[in-house]
Each structure stands twice: as C-alpha cells, then as structure tokens.
Amino acid sequence: MMSFIFNVFGISFAMMCIVYKSAANSLPELSPQKYFSTLQAGKASLAYFCQADSPSTSVFLEELNKAVKPLQDYGISVAKVNCVKEETSRYCGKEKDLMKAYLFRGNILLREFPTDTLFDENAIIAHVLFALLFNEVKYITTLEDLQNIENALKGKANIAFSYVRAIGTPEHRAVMETAFVYGTTYQFVLTTEIALLESIGIEDIERAHLYFLHCKLVLDLTQQCRRTLMGQTLTTLNIYRFIKTMEAPLLTEVAEDPQQVSTVHLQLGLPLVFIVSQQATYEADRRSAEWVAWRLLGKAGVLLLLRDSLEVDIPQQANVVFKKEEGMPVEYLVLHDVDLVISHVENNTYIEETQEDEDDDMDEGPDMGQAVSMAFLHSYVDLAVKLKGTSVMLLTRINCADWPDVCTKQNVTEFPVVKMYKKGEDPVSYSGMLGTEDLLKFIQLNRISCPVNITSVQEAEEYLSGELYKDLISYSSVSVLGLFSPTMTTAKEDFTEAGKYLKGYIITGIYSEEDVLILSSKYTATLPALLLARHNEDKVESIPLANTHAQEIVQIITNALLETFPEITVGNLPTYLRLQKPLLILFSDGSINPQYQKAILTLAKGKHLDSVIPCWLNLENTPVGREILKAYFGALPPLPVLVVVNLHSGGQVFAFPSDQAVTEQNLLLWLKKLEAGLENHITILPAQEWKPPLPAYNFLQMMDAAASQYPTRKGPECMKETNIQENDEEQHEDKSAVRKEPIETLRIKHWNRNNVFKAEKSVRHDKEL
C-alpha cells in the first residue's frame, strides 16, 4: 500500500485497485544461511526476506515468481528467503525490513526496494535492471542535463533518449532490457519529467517516447545532434527493431533490379524506397535521396537507384520505386515532390505493434483488472504531483487483493474505484473519466458547497462575475445562480438537490434574501429563475424555473453548457453523441475559415440546424481525424471538408460538394436535399455493437456519466466553504457500508430507468467515428 500526502482542504482521497494472479509459486525458498552461501562474486541476485506463509505478501510473491525466468535470462538469480523468529540478521531482524527486497552483486548489497515499488512483474524487472545499469543509463531531470550529455558525446557516440511516465512501467522495462544489450554501444538517457519532454517540442505527453540522437556524426560542437523519434509503442522488440534501423546505412547506392534488392529494412518489416537517378542529375538526386532518407529514418529504407547502370529497364517516367514487402511486385511511381514520397510511404505502410509475451493473457478478466488499475495509477500519481504543496489532503491507494476486508466494508464492487472522504460526510464515489485533469477538476470544485449560499446582492454580483471563486474559473467557465423569494421553499429544495448532484462538476449558488428582486429586475428574470453566467463570453442569461423539479433543473443546466459550434475532441465527443442527432462536422487542418464559421453560426442561430449538431474537428489538435476521413473517403481529401454523419440510424456519411462554396444558401439547400433523400452517401459505417471487455470496465458509460455532468451518486450535505480543520488521525465510519443495495445495483437502476437523464443509447457506430 502506498500513500501520497498533500495539503488539500481537509479531504482524504482514496483509489482502490485490485491485482489477481495465478497461485503458482515456484520461487526457490531458502534459509538465510543457505541463501548467502549461494552468492557468487560478480553475480547479481534479488532476494525477498519474509516470514513463512505471510498472507499480506502473497500477491507480491506471485509477481516475483513471474519475474524469475526473465531475470534469469539476464543472469540474475531470484530467491525467497524464509526468516524465522530467532533470526537476528539485518534483513530478518526488524518487521519493517520484511517489506523490502534486496539486490546483491556477490555478497555486496547494491539496492533495497520497498515492495510497494515492485508492484508487478514489469516493475520488478525494470527496477532491478535500472539499479544494475546505473553506469549505462543516466537519469536526467532538465533540458540542461540533456544538452550537457549531448555536448560531451558529439563526435563520439549516439544517444538513446527515452521518456517514460513512471519508473517501473512496462515501457521503462522495455528501455532497460534494451539498455542491457546496447548499453555499451549507445548512451542511454532516461527521464520521467513531463516538463523536459515539453521543452523539446513533444505535444503528446500521454505516452512514452524514445529519441535516437545522432551525435556521433556531429564534428562541429556548435551544431545540434539530429533527433529521430520512434513512432511505435515502447516494447522491447519495437525498440530493438528501431535501433537496428538506426544502425543501417542512411542511404545506399544500387545498380540492380529493385525486385532483387533486399536489406535489413525488409527483414524488419519496413518497405524500401528507391530514388531513381541518372548521371546528368546525380548530385541533385543524391541530395534529394538523403533528405528523404532522414525524413523516413526508422520508417523505411532509402536507396539511390542508378538508372544508367541498370541492366533491367524501368518505365522512363518513373522516378521512384516502392517495394513494400519481400517477394511482392515493386511499384513504379512518378512523384515530383519530396512530401508526396513521404506521404506515399506513410499511407502504404502498416507496422504491426508487437505485444510482449507477458501481455498475451490480458484478455482474461482478473488481468484486465490489474491492467486498468495500473494504467490509472499513472494519472493518480500525476494528480498527487499537481496537488503537492497546495493544501491538506491525503491521497492513498489500496490494493483490494491485500485488503479485501477494507474494500468489502467500503462497498467496492468494481476496479479501479476512487472515493473522496470528508469529515462528517458520507464518502463520495468519483464516476468521471480516469484522467488527471478530470480528477483535478472534481477535487477543486468539491472545495465549495453544493450549492453555495449567497448572502448579499454584492456577493451575488461577485459570484456571477467570477471574482468570488476566480481560482476555480479554469475548472468551470460557467457559474449557475438560483434566484428565489424567501417563501419558495419547494423550489429552493429542488434547486438544492440539483446542486448536490452537480457538485464537483459545475459551480452552483443560491440566493433567496428579501432583496432578491434587485437581481431579478436587473437580469429580467421572473422568480423562481436561474442565472447562467458564461465567464468566457462575459454575459449572464436568465432561465425561468417555474414548476421544474430537480432532475429537470439538472437537464436545463447541462444543456445550457453545450456550445453552438463546438470543436469536437475525444473528451467532449460523448457529450454531443448523447443528443442522438446526426453530426455536421467541418474537418479543418488548423483554425476555421471565418467565412465557413460565419455561415454555420448564422444558420444555427436562425434555428436552421436544429436537426443536426454543427461542430468542427481540428486535425492539428485531434490527429485521429485523418484516419476518420480516410475511413469515410478511402483517402485523405483536400481540406477543409464538410460532412454529415448519421451515427444513430443507418450510419450513412454524406459529403458537401467540393465544387461549391460553403455559404448559408448552399449549405441550407444541401441539408434540405439530405432530408428529402436526394443526396447519395459516400459510405455507410458498419453496424456493430461495441461492448466493454468486462462489465465493470464500461468506459463509454463512464464517459457518458462525465458528459452528462450528472454523477451517479447522492450528494453530501451542503456547507459554505471548506476552511475545515481536519484531524488526520481520526477515523470516521463509512455509512455507505450499511446501504441496503450495493453501489453497482443502484448505478444500473439509475442508468436503465431515468426518463430525464438517460438519452437513448446507441453505440453501433460511435467507435467507428
């Protein structure tokens, strides 16, 4: 069990996960005397000292057992050392030492590892190799560190620089295994610092990366080392394949039939690109070929084909030859632009992602639970880093395999589960997306009550302007204020109930003082009313609440948060899919053309687009849009392009005519033709139901819950602000443990039968989009 302790407004935050593995245990079991007698000079050995049959260590021992064979392949022995009560050595004498594993070289202790850091097979192997390779792998934290290493190695050696999200991850293991083989050939450099990755221009910080820095070629110390980014996921085999391509010649000259040429690239599953040259243009052709070779490094082999020396004729106009696989016929092409050569290779190459043997069993239920929990742990750790030094909060993780009684008492029925505990309140289960920013938003917005009780007109104005909680505006750009006369008891209760449900997702407030008419008059609101302040637009909208119940109020608020012409992202897509309307999507490679934006907004404000959801997708921010367009058109069409996608009934995709300008008149006429059935679709998305791998891992449902801004739980009692003094030592009874029905049962009932909150769900085509 691992805890992260930070100061956050008197709240405890807990993540509960589970790890299951087979019960087989083939570790060598030795006494301390026997173990130390087996140690050999220069040989590495990992030992876990424990009391025999200790139940709290069973999961760790199962993971350690899985690591035995891989570590033996690297010449590292592994053993379980059984301590007896009479044993008084430093490794058996104290109870706290029995939560550690020890790494020896000969009889010299190199490192000791708390078992929390060795949470699975990957972490065990990664940590052990990292400790043994401390001379071969340099860990850095700043860009200056990387630049110093580059400067020291210019003209001498190349660098393999990798970023992993955390020590002990599968990607970290893959880097360490590669360094074990290539550590004396290349300088391996490792970081886990996001800021360092961002400083060298990488925007995608959600996954691990590996760069090959070509420093050996740099003779001028003022020049920078070229960098080649590995495009595949970081597995041992993928990194090996990548490094082998870095070792191959950048450019090779050949004068033989391309059909007969074979290089290491073909053996590694990569294609070959031949730049056709002739004597008269040799120098220019070679420069072009070298430029293409650098652009395709790690993706394809590039060769200069000397036409004048060929005994085999090739088409006179062809200037590029493409060989996709060994034994396949070559392609003769006419491409007069370097970018066209690059695009042709990238569009016609599929590099199969290689899964490691240890991942073969991930389809099984228990291991899926381990995978999801460990993946989410990275976000949880990032959350702890972001909250460091800000307030009083205890962040902790609990492995339910080790603490089943605790998880049972807390009514935990799926994994991973995140719960927030406040003194004097029922625990709150987080039901949103399992990402760092979503968790952070939930925590920050839980600082305030639900809804906030506003006590004066001046305070209400500060609340609506964003000044009252200006530090929270980045988490909720909209503030909601309910206005009621003091006698409107039922209406206030309904609004308060809605605020409870929305706590942690949006800021709500309530004002019901005698002078409430001052506000209702200023904002032209008939009581009871809801004022919705959009801080990024600096305007306040009033919405009547006469005869509306709590569920209807929640729906009003969530609908009011929708944008008229939103940019679609992976995060907000479920928000708009749940409206069950066709999507009118403008695909753009960058910012929107103002003419197109004006036309669509004018039609939307005129209520001419009520039958569709107008939106746009920026391919720079959401690169998956390119693959979406290829699925729709068969190839990437010229941008921008406007399409209608009917996801929820039929799956048809329609494209706005490319020879017409996107004007209000043309767009309106085209949409009328669609409604009349006078337009032909360009494709139909296959009807397919996408189910979760296990019932407890329905991430589409989690996205729906987050998108609806309606958490599946009953909110705690409201309070004004959270300047609460907390006694970290005090334990509080969890009232959720005595519920009549488990959380999952209540959740299913809520989602299956709620006429207000549950949109009719259809996921046949959602994943296709």
Foldseek 3Di string as FASTA:
>chain_A
DDWFWAADLFKAKEKEFAFDDDQDADFAEEAPVVVLVPFDAQAKEKEQEAAPPDLLCSQLRRQQRVLQVVVVVLRYHYHYHHDDCVDCDPCRNDPQSNQWMFMDRRNHTQDIGRSVQVNGNQSVLLVNLCSVCVVLEAEDAALVVVLVVLLVCALNAKEKEKEAQDRRDQLSNLLSVLCSVCSVRHRYYYYNHLVRVVVVPDPPPLAMWIKIFQRSPGPDSVDGTDIDIQDAHRHNLSVVLLVVLVPDDLEAEDAEDPLPDDDVQQVSQAKEKEFEDEDVCVVVSVVLQSVLSSVCRSHYHYYYYYQVRHPDDDDPQFRMWIGRHRPDDIDGDRDPDSVVVVVVRVVPGDDDHDDDPVCPPCLDDSNVSVVVQVSLVSQVVVLSVVSHHPRGYMYYYHHCSSVVVVCLLVLDDFPTWMWMDHPPKFIDTDLADSHNLLVNLLSVLLQFWLAAEDDDPVSVVCQLLCNVPVVNCVSAQKEKEWEAAPVPVQLVVQSSQLSLQLRSRHHYYYYHDNVSVVVCVVQVEDPGWMWMRRNVVRDIHIDYDPPHGNLRVLQVVLVVPDDQAEADDPQQVLLVVLVQAKEWEWEAQDDDDVQLVVLSSVCSVVVLQVRYRHYYYHCVVVVCVLVLCCVQQVHRDDDGWIWIANQRPFGFIATQDPVDDNHNVSVSVVVVCVVVVNGDTSDGAFFADDDDSDPSPRVSVSSNCSSSSGHLDRGIHTDNGSSDDYDPVDDDRNPLSPDPDRSVVSSVVCAPDDVRRHRPDDDRCVVSD
